[in-house]
Amino acid sequence: MDTSTLLIDADIILYKVSWACQTEVEWGDLVTYSSSLTDMARTFDKDIKNLIAKTESSHYELCISSGSNFRKKIFSEYKLNRKSTRKPLGYRKLVVHAMANHPYRMIKDLEADDVLGMRMTDKDTVPYKMTASIDKDMLTIPGKHYNIDKDIITTVSEEEADYNFYTQILTGDTVDNYKGCPGIGPSKASSILQGCTLGKEWEAIVGSFKKQGLTEDDALLQARMARILRHEDYNYKKGEVILWNP
């Protein structure tokens, strides 16, 4: 029996559909925008159906970000660069539609990425799972990942996922507004990590931060921003994130 389950980063599709369904309306010299929930809902449902067909999945689950975010509680500048960016018209109503008409999972204080990561690495759930997203951060999670924009499937081993996570600590992510280690881009991060002994990655990362006059605590903060949660990073009984430690 095929039990393949597609874990979908619904945030991406919700935004894409909401923006695409906005219509420009002119009232003399005034230009406003409107949107139809009926059109948005129809487009969203069609996109989800197409994703399931493309990946030949027998089951699916939408992963949706909650309104709160644990990272902002430990680093107030996380995603602060997006503060002035408005959500597209009808976005919240489309979220309600998605939750009412599709199987979904939303967990307080977590982003959709975290829910995807936790579900992918939970060995007690369906054994064959794959994510559907466009976010490169998903490559810090072991397993199969379908890139919606590129229409490709990438399989990431646990070792590769850890390597990608360590790289993200060093390089940071300007989109999410955390900086990593000053002066280190992908190429330099690769040299640092490939030049250290297996199991000594954290030591090499901390050494890089210290060379820039920073501390291990600075490196740890960046790591906690970069860490897409895995199953072991969450206390399900208490409903609390277990902050990453080396």
C-alpha atoms as a PDB file:
ATOM      1  CA  MET A   1       0.000   0.000   0.000  1.00  0.00           C
ATOM      2  CA  ASP A   2       1.335   3.437  -0.975  1.00  0.00           C
ATOM      3  CA  THR A   3       1.513   5.638   2.111  1.00  0.00           C
ATOM      4  CA  SER A   4       3.485   8.545   0.685  1.00  0.00           C
ATOM      5  CA  THR A   5       2.636  11.852   2.374  1.00  0.00           C
ATOM      6  CA  LEU A   6       3.408  15.271   0.943  1.00  0.00           C
ATOM      7  CA  LEU A   7       4.079  17.937   3.575  1.00  0.00           C
ATOM      8  CA  ILE A   8       3.307  21.264   1.925  1.00  0.00           C
ATOM      9  CA  ASP A   9       4.662  24.655   2.963  1.00  0.00           C
ATOM     10  CA  ALA A  10       1.254  26.261   2.594  1.00  0.00           C
ATOM     11  CA  ASP A  11       2.497  29.781   3.447  1.00  0.00           C
ATOM     12  CA  ILE A  12       4.188  30.001   0.059  1.00  0.00           C
ATOM     13  CA  ILE A  13       1.088  29.031  -1.893  1.00  0.00           C
ATOM     14  CA  LEU A  14      -1.199  31.203   0.236  1.00  0.00           C
ATOM     15  CA  TYR A  15       0.950  34.261  -0.512  1.00  0.00           C
ATOM     16  CA  LYS A  16       1.378  33.417  -4.189  1.00  0.00           C
ATOM     17  CA  VAL A  17      -2.343  32.921  -4.770  1.00  0.00           C
ATOM     18  CA  SER A  18      -3.370  35.984  -2.738  1.00  0.00           C
ATOM     19  CA  TRP A  19      -1.053  38.257  -4.732  1.00  0.00           C
ATOM     20  CA  ALA A  20      -2.006  36.719  -8.080  1.00  0.00           C
ATOM     21  CA  CYS A  21      -5.729  37.173  -7.474  1.00  0.00           C
ATOM     22  CA  GLN A  22      -5.536  40.876  -6.656  1.00  0.00           C
ATOM     23  CA  THR A  23      -7.212  43.071  -9.262  1.00  0.00           C
ATOM     24  CA  GLU A  24      -6.351  46.704  -9.880  1.00  0.00           C
ATOM     25  CA  VAL A  25      -9.410  49.002  -9.802  1.00  0.00           C
ATOM     26  CA  GLU A  26      -9.364  52.615 -11.035  1.00  0.00           C
ATOM     27  CA  TRP A  27     -11.701  55.233  -9.556  1.00  0.00           C
ATOM     28  CA  GLY A  28     -10.781  58.338 -11.524  1.00  0.00           C
ATOM     29  CA  ASP A  29      -7.327  59.315 -10.273  1.00  0.00           C
ATOM     30  CA  LEU A  30      -7.507  56.798  -7.437  1.00  0.00           C
ATOM     31  CA  VAL A  31      -6.146  53.270  -7.904  1.00  0.00           C
ATOM     32  CA  THR A  32      -7.200  50.599  -5.430  1.00  0.00           C
ATOM     33  CA  TYR A  33      -7.105  46.817  -5.355  1.00  0.00           C
ATOM     34  CA  SER A  34      -9.733  44.171  -4.799  1.00  0.00           C
ATOM     35  CA  SER A  35      -9.760  40.413  -4.579  1.00  0.00           C
ATOM     36  CA  SER A  36     -12.343  37.649  -4.770  1.00  0.00           C
ATOM     37  CA  LEU A  37     -12.247  34.924  -2.128  1.00  0.00           C
ATOM     38  CA  THR A  38     -14.025  32.615  -4.557  1.00  0.00           C
ATOM     39  CA  ASP A  39     -11.256  33.046  -7.146  1.00  0.00           C
ATOM     40  CA  MET A  40      -8.521  32.698  -4.537  1.00  0.00           C
ATOM     41  CA  ALA A  41     -10.040  29.561  -3.023  1.00  0.00           C
ATOM     42  CA  ARG A  42     -10.495  27.951  -6.433  1.00  0.00           C
ATOM     43  CA  THR A  43      -6.906  28.753  -7.460  1.00  0.00           C
ATOM     44  CA  PHE A  44      -5.482  27.564  -4.140  1.00  0.00           C
ATOM     45  CA  ASP A  45      -7.352  24.250  -4.270  1.00  0.00           C
ATOM     46  CA  LYS A  46      -6.215  23.718  -7.849  1.00  0.00           C
ATOM     47  CA  ASP A  47      -2.559  24.416  -6.958  1.00  0.00           C
ATOM     48  CA  ILE A  48      -2.708  21.915  -4.088  1.00  0.00           C
ATOM     49  CA  LYS A  49      -4.310  19.296  -6.338  1.00  0.00           C
ATOM     50  CA  ASN A  50      -1.605  19.829  -8.980  1.00  0.00           C
ATOM     51  CA  LEU A  51       1.156  19.457  -6.368  1.00  0.00           C
ATOM     52  CA  ILE A  52      -0.271  16.150  -5.195  1.00  0.00           C
ATOM     53  CA  ALA A  53      -0.507  14.893  -8.788  1.00  0.00           C
ATOM     54  CA  LYS A  54       3.021  16.036  -9.698  1.00  0.00           C
ATOM     55  CA  THR A  55       4.583  14.300  -6.721  1.00  0.00           C
ATOM     56  CA  GLU A  56       2.302  11.240  -7.000  1.00  0.00           C
ATOM     57  CA  SER A  57       1.452  11.499  -3.318  1.00  0.00           C
ATOM     58  CA  SER A  58      -1.379   9.501  -1.798  1.00  0.00           C
ATOM     59  CA  HIS A  59      -1.758  11.787   1.229  1.00  0.00           C
ATOM     60  CA  TYR A  60      -0.928  15.393   2.007  1.00  0.00           C
ATOM     61  CA  GLU A  61      -0.855  17.888   4.851  1.00  0.00           C
ATOM     62  CA  LEU A  62      -0.634  21.663   4.778  1.00  0.00           C
ATOM     63  CA  CYS A  63       1.848  23.222   7.201  1.00  0.00           C
ATOM     64  CA  ILE A  64       0.901  26.795   8.138  1.00  0.00           C
ATOM     65  CA  SER A  65       2.762  29.350  10.261  1.00  0.00           C
ATOM     66  CA  SER A  66       1.116  30.473  13.473  1.00  0.00           C
ATOM     67  CA  GLY A  67       0.725  34.158  14.279  1.00  0.00           C
ATOM     68  CA  SER A  68       3.551  34.040  16.838  1.00  0.00           C
ATOM     69  CA  ASN A  69       7.206  33.110  16.429  1.00  0.00           C
ATOM     70  CA  PHE A  70       9.555  31.807  19.116  1.00  0.00           C
ATOM     71  CA  ARG A  71      12.623  33.250  17.335  1.00  0.00           C
ATOM     72  CA  LYS A  72      11.353  36.799  17.812  1.00  0.00           C
ATOM     73  CA  LYS A  73      11.249  36.161  21.559  1.00  0.00           C
ATOM     74  CA  ILE A  74      14.993  35.503  21.685  1.00  0.00           C
ATOM     75  CA  PHE A  75      16.052  37.895  18.911  1.00  0.00           C
ATOM     76  CA  SER A  76      13.792  40.918  18.432  1.00  0.00           C
ATOM     77  CA  GLU A  77      15.306  41.758  15.027  1.00  0.00           C
ATOM     78  CA  TYR A  78      14.335  38.429  13.456  1.00  0.00           C
ATOM     79  CA  LYS A  79      12.415  39.233  10.236  1.00  0.00           C
ATOM     80  CA  LEU A  80      12.121  42.847  11.407  1.00  0.00           C
ATOM     81  CA  ASN A  81      13.027  43.897   7.847  1.00  0.00           C
ATOM     82  CA  ARG A  82       9.593  42.603   6.746  1.00  0.00           C
ATOM     83  CA  LYS A  83       7.640  44.663   9.253  1.00  0.00           C
ATOM     84  CA  SER A  84       6.531  47.289   6.729  1.00  0.00           C
ATOM     85  CA  THR A  85       5.528  44.715   4.100  1.00  0.00           C
ATOM     86  CA  ARG A  86       1.776  44.251   4.011  1.00  0.00           C
ATOM     87  CA  LYS A  87       0.113  40.910   3.432  1.00  0.00           C
ATOM     88  CA  PRO A  88      -1.829  40.624   0.158  1.00  0.00           C
ATOM     89  CA  LEU A  89      -5.556  41.323   0.158  1.00  0.00           C
ATOM     90  CA  GLY A  90      -7.653  38.387   1.248  1.00  0.00           C
ATOM     91  CA  TYR A  91      -4.689  36.479   2.686  1.00  0.00           C
ATOM     92  CA  ARG A  92      -6.222  35.818   6.097  1.00  0.00           C
ATOM     93  CA  LYS A  93      -9.558  34.754   4.600  1.00  0.00           C
ATOM     94  CA  LEU A  94      -7.709  32.346   2.324  1.00  0.00           C
ATOM     95  CA  VAL A  95      -5.938  30.875   5.362  1.00  0.00           C
ATOM     96  CA  VAL A  96      -9.351  30.238   6.928  1.00  0.00           C
ATOM     97  CA  HIS A  97     -10.483  28.533   3.712  1.00  0.00           C
ATOM     98  CA  ALA A  98      -7.369  26.366   3.608  1.00  0.00           C
ATOM     99  CA  MET A  99      -7.825  25.264   7.222  1.00  0.00           C
ATOM    100  CA  ALA A 100     -11.512  24.495   6.687  1.00  0.00           C
ATOM    101  CA  ASN A 101     -11.051  22.475   3.500  1.00  0.00           C
ATOM    102  CA  HIS A 102      -7.670  20.716   3.758  1.00  0.00           C
ATOM    103  CA  PRO A 103      -5.803  18.614   6.335  1.00  0.00           C
ATOM    104  CA  TYR A 104      -3.402  21.003   8.036  1.00  0.00           C
ATOM    105  CA  ARG A 105      -1.075  21.439  10.976  1.00  0.00           C
ATOM    106  CA  MET A 106      -0.339  24.699  12.773  1.00  0.00           C
ATOM    107  CA  ILE A 107       1.612  24.848  16.049  1.00  0.00           C
ATOM    108  CA  LYS A 108       1.776  27.877  18.331  1.00  0.00           C
ATOM    109  CA  ASP A 109       5.006  29.905  18.045  1.00  0.00           C
ATOM    110  CA  LEU A 110       6.253  27.905  15.043  1.00  0.00           C
ATOM    111  CA  GLU A 111       6.743  28.735  11.377  1.00  0.00           C
ATOM    112  CA  ALA A 112       5.577  26.398   8.629  1.00  0.00           C
ATOM    113  CA  ASP A 113       9.245  25.426   8.069  1.00  0.00           C
ATOM    114  CA  ASP A 114       9.487  24.170  11.638  1.00  0.00           C
ATOM    115  CA  VAL A 115       6.326  22.104  11.349  1.00  0.00           C
ATOM    116  CA  LEU A 116       7.674  20.584   8.126  1.00  0.00           C
ATOM    117  CA  GLY A 117      11.008  19.807   9.776  1.00  0.00           C
ATOM    118  CA  MET A 118       9.421  18.202  12.821  1.00  0.00           C
ATOM    119  CA  ARG A 119       7.060  16.075  10.749  1.00  0.00           C
ATOM    120  CA  MET A 120       9.831  14.963   8.394  1.00  0.00           C
ATOM    121  CA  THR A 121      12.066  13.781  11.216  1.00  0.00           C
ATOM    122  CA  ASP A 122       9.378  12.101  13.330  1.00  0.00           C
ATOM    123  CA  LYS A 123      10.120   8.417  12.828  1.00  0.00           C
ATOM    124  CA  ASP A 124       6.827   7.393  14.464  1.00  0.00           C
ATOM    125  CA  THR A 125       4.694   8.882  11.694  1.00  0.00           C
ATOM    126  CA  VAL A 126       4.310   7.773   8.078  1.00  0.00           C
ATOM    127  CA  PRO A 127       7.770   6.489   7.034  1.00  0.00           C
ATOM    128  CA  TYR A 128       7.779   7.931   3.513  1.00  0.00           C
ATOM    129  CA  LYS A 129       7.410  11.703   3.485  1.00  0.00           C
ATOM    130  CA  MET A 130       8.460  14.568   1.247  1.00  0.00           C
ATOM    131  CA  THR A 131       8.258  18.337   1.647  1.00  0.00           C
ATOM    132  CA  ALA A 132       7.006  20.739  -1.004  1.00  0.00           C
ATOM    133  CA  SER A 133       8.515  24.201  -0.685  1.00  0.00           C
ATOM    134  CA  ILE A 134      10.815  26.722  -2.382  1.00  0.00           C
ATOM    135  CA  ASP A 135      12.808  27.505   0.753  1.00  0.00           C
ATOM    136  CA  LYS A 136      16.488  26.489   0.712  1.00  0.00           C
ATOM    137  CA  ASP A 137      16.264  26.187   4.504  1.00  0.00           C
ATOM    138  CA  MET A 138      14.463  22.890   3.950  1.00  0.00           C
ATOM    139  CA  LEU A 139      17.819  21.431   2.873  1.00  0.00           C
ATOM    140  CA  THR A 140      18.871  21.587   6.538  1.00  0.00           C
ATOM    141  CA  ILE A 141      16.340  18.794   7.119  1.00  0.00           C
ATOM    142  CA  PRO A 142      17.146  15.213   6.072  1.00  0.00           C
ATOM    143  CA  GLY A 143      14.799  13.548   3.600  1.00  0.00           C
ATOM    144  CA  LYS A 144      13.184  14.187   0.216  1.00  0.00           C
ATOM    145  CA  HIS A 145      12.321  17.727  -0.807  1.00  0.00           C
ATOM    146  CA  TYR A 146      10.327  18.850  -3.822  1.00  0.00           C
ATOM    147  CA  ASN A 147      11.158  22.378  -5.014  1.00  0.00           C
ATOM    148  CA  ILE A 148       7.902  23.826  -6.322  1.00  0.00           C
ATOM    149  CA  ASP A 149       9.521  26.494  -8.521  1.00  0.00           C
ATOM    150  CA  LYS A 150      12.290  24.298  -9.978  1.00  0.00           C
ATOM    151  CA  ASP A 151      10.177  21.122 -10.269  1.00  0.00           C
ATOM    152  CA  ILE A 152      12.972  18.954  -8.887  1.00  0.00           C
ATOM    153  CA  ILE A 153      13.274  16.486  -6.013  1.00  0.00           C
ATOM    154  CA  THR A 154      16.391  16.575  -3.831  1.00  0.00           C
ATOM    155  CA  THR A 155      17.286  13.866  -1.321  1.00  0.00           C
ATOM    156  CA  VAL A 156      19.301  15.121   1.644  1.00  0.00           C
ATOM    157  CA  SER A 157      21.160  12.783   4.007  1.00  0.00           C
ATOM    158  CA  GLU A 158      21.434  13.548   7.722  1.00  0.00           C
ATOM    159  CA  GLU A 159      25.118  14.436   7.257  1.00  0.00           C
ATOM    160  CA  GLU A 160      24.288  16.810   4.393  1.00  0.00           C
ATOM    161  CA  ALA A 161      21.463  18.370   6.392  1.00  0.00           C
ATOM    162  CA  ASP A 162      23.804  19.036   9.327  1.00  0.00           C
ATOM    163  CA  TYR A 163      26.419  20.495   6.966  1.00  0.00           C
ATOM    164  CA  ASN A 164      23.817  22.830   5.436  1.00  0.00           C
ATOM    165  CA  PHE A 165      22.727  23.888   8.922  1.00  0.00           C
ATOM    166  CA  TYR A 166      26.298  24.687   9.952  1.00  0.00           C
ATOM    167  CA  THR A 167      26.753  26.654   6.737  1.00  0.00           C
ATOM    168  CA  GLN A 168      23.643  28.689   7.489  1.00  0.00           C
ATOM    169  CA  ILE A 169      25.001  29.594  10.936  1.00  0.00           C
ATOM    170  CA  LEU A 170      28.103  31.067   9.334  1.00  0.00           C
ATOM    171  CA  THR A 171      26.482  32.814   6.375  1.00  0.00           C
ATOM    172  CA  GLY A 172      23.250  33.967   8.016  1.00  0.00           C
ATOM    173  CA  ASP A 173      20.129  34.823   6.049  1.00  0.00           C
ATOM    174  CA  THR A 174      19.475  38.418   5.007  1.00  0.00           C
ATOM    175  CA  VAL A 175      15.888  37.531   4.061  1.00  0.00           C
ATOM    176  CA  ASP A 176      15.192  36.576   7.698  1.00  0.00           C
ATOM    177  CA  ASN A 177      17.424  39.385   9.017  1.00  0.00           C
ATOM    178  CA  TYR A 178      20.071  37.454  10.921  1.00  0.00           C
ATOM    179  CA  LYS A 179      23.629  38.093   9.836  1.00  0.00           C
ATOM    180  CA  GLY A 180      25.695  34.989  10.577  1.00  0.00           C
ATOM    181  CA  CYS A 181      29.417  35.545  11.048  1.00  0.00           C
ATOM    182  CA  PRO A 182      30.701  38.860   9.622  1.00  0.00           C
ATOM    183  CA  GLY A 183      32.691  38.506   6.415  1.00  0.00           C
ATOM    184  CA  ILE A 184      31.732  34.895   5.727  1.00  0.00           C
ATOM    185  CA  GLY A 185      29.866  33.893   2.585  1.00  0.00           C
ATOM    186  CA  PRO A 186      29.114  30.435   1.170  1.00  0.00           C
ATOM    187  CA  SER A 187      32.604  29.872  -0.246  1.00  0.00           C
ATOM    188  CA  LYS A 188      34.442  30.776   2.962  1.00  0.00           C
ATOM    189  CA  ALA A 189      31.946  28.785   5.043  1.00  0.00           C
ATOM    190  CA  SER A 190      32.666  25.747   2.870  1.00  0.00           C
ATOM    191  CA  SER A 191      36.416  26.140   3.438  1.00  0.00           C
ATOM    192  CA  ILE A 192      35.933  26.392   7.202  1.00  0.00           C
ATOM    193  CA  LEU A 193      33.679  23.349   7.490  1.00  0.00           C
ATOM    194  CA  GLN A 194      35.518  21.119   5.034  1.00  0.00           C
ATOM    195  CA  GLY A 195      38.808  21.957   6.691  1.00  0.00           C
ATOM    196  CA  CYS A 196      37.782  20.742  10.147  1.00  0.00           C
ATOM    197  CA  THR A 197      37.646  17.241  11.582  1.00  0.00           C
ATOM    198  CA  LEU A 198      34.261  15.499  11.602  1.00  0.00           C
ATOM    199  CA  GLY A 199      32.509  16.321  14.866  1.00  0.00           C
ATOM    200  CA  LYS A 200      34.511  19.516  15.329  1.00  0.00           C
ATOM    201  CA  GLU A 201      32.215  21.733  13.246  1.00  0.00           C
ATOM    202  CA  TRP A 202      30.884  23.720  16.198  1.00  0.00           C
ATOM    203  CA  GLU A 203      34.391  24.361  17.446  1.00  0.00           C
ATOM    204  CA  ALA A 204      35.343  25.694  14.005  1.00  0.00           C
ATOM    205  CA  ILE A 205      32.223  27.863  13.875  1.00  0.00           C
ATOM    206  CA  VAL A 206      32.899  29.386  17.297  1.00  0.00           C
ATOM    207  CA  GLY A 207      36.528  29.990  16.298  1.00  0.00           C
ATOM    208  CA  SER A 208      35.321  31.932  13.259  1.00  0.00           C
ATOM    209  CA  PHE A 209      33.070  34.129  15.395  1.00  0.00           C
ATOM    210  CA  LYS A 210      35.855  34.774  17.890  1.00  0.00           C
ATOM    211  CA  LYS A 211      38.165  35.904  15.074  1.00  0.00           C
ATOM    212  CA  GLN A 212      35.623  38.653  14.450  1.00  0.00           C
ATOM    213  CA  GLY A 213      35.637  39.737  18.092  1.00  0.00           C
ATOM    214  CA  LEU A 214      32.415  37.896  18.893  1.00  0.00           C
ATOM    215  CA  THR A 215      31.611  35.151  21.394  1.00  0.00           C
ATOM    216  CA  GLU A 216      30.228  31.622  21.507  1.00  0.00           C
ATOM    217  CA  ASP A 217      26.921  33.108  22.688  1.00  0.00           C
ATOM    218  CA  ASP A 218      26.800  35.158  19.475  1.00  0.00           C
ATOM    219  CA  ALA A 219      27.339  31.995  17.447  1.00  0.00           C
ATOM    220  CA  LEU A 220      24.662  30.171  19.448  1.00  0.00           C
ATOM    221  CA  LEU A 221      22.103  32.893  18.781  1.00  0.00           C
ATOM    222  CA  GLN A 222      22.747  32.633  15.041  1.00  0.00           C
ATOM    223  CA  ALA A 223      22.428  28.852  15.277  1.00  0.00           C
ATOM    224  CA  ARG A 224      19.042  29.145  16.953  1.00  0.00           C
ATOM    225  CA  MET A 225      17.866  31.489  14.221  1.00  0.00           C
ATOM    226  CA  ALA A 226      19.117  29.109  11.510  1.00  0.00           C
ATOM    227  CA  ARG A 227      17.820  25.906  13.084  1.00  0.00           C
ATOM    228  CA  ILE A 228      14.723  24.564  11.351  1.00  0.00           C
ATOM    229  CA  LEU A 229      13.253  22.435  14.112  1.00  0.00           C
ATOM    230  CA  ARG A 230      13.535  18.664  14.000  1.00  0.00           C
ATOM    231  CA  HIS A 231      11.450  16.207  15.997  1.00  0.00           C
ATOM    232  CA  GLU A 232      13.890  16.211  18.906  1.00  0.00           C
ATOM    233  CA  ASP A 233      13.817  20.022  19.142  1.00  0.00           C
ATOM    234  CA  TYR A 234      10.297  20.160  20.559  1.00  0.00           C
ATOM    235  CA  ASN A 235       8.708  19.109  23.840  1.00  0.00           C
ATOM    236  CA  TYR A 236       5.314  17.859  22.682  1.00  0.00           C
ATOM    237  CA  LYS A 237       3.928  17.394  26.207  1.00  0.00           C
ATOM    238  CA  LYS A 238       4.705  20.955  27.272  1.00  0.00           C
ATOM    239  CA  GLY A 239       4.226  22.503  23.831  1.00  0.00           C
ATOM    240  CA  GLU A 240       7.631  24.166  24.029  1.00  0.00           C
ATOM    241  CA  VAL A 241      10.623  24.549  21.738  1.00  0.00           C
ATOM    242  CA  ILE A 242      13.854  22.949  22.954  1.00  0.00           C
ATOM    243  CA  LEU A 243      16.411  25.555  21.931  1.00  0.00           C
ATOM    244  CA  TRP A 244      19.335  24.050  20.019  1.00  0.00           C
ATOM    245  CA  ASN A 245      22.578  23.415  21.857  1.00  0.00           C
ATOM    246  CA  PRO A 246      25.790  21.945  20.404  1.00  0.00           C
END
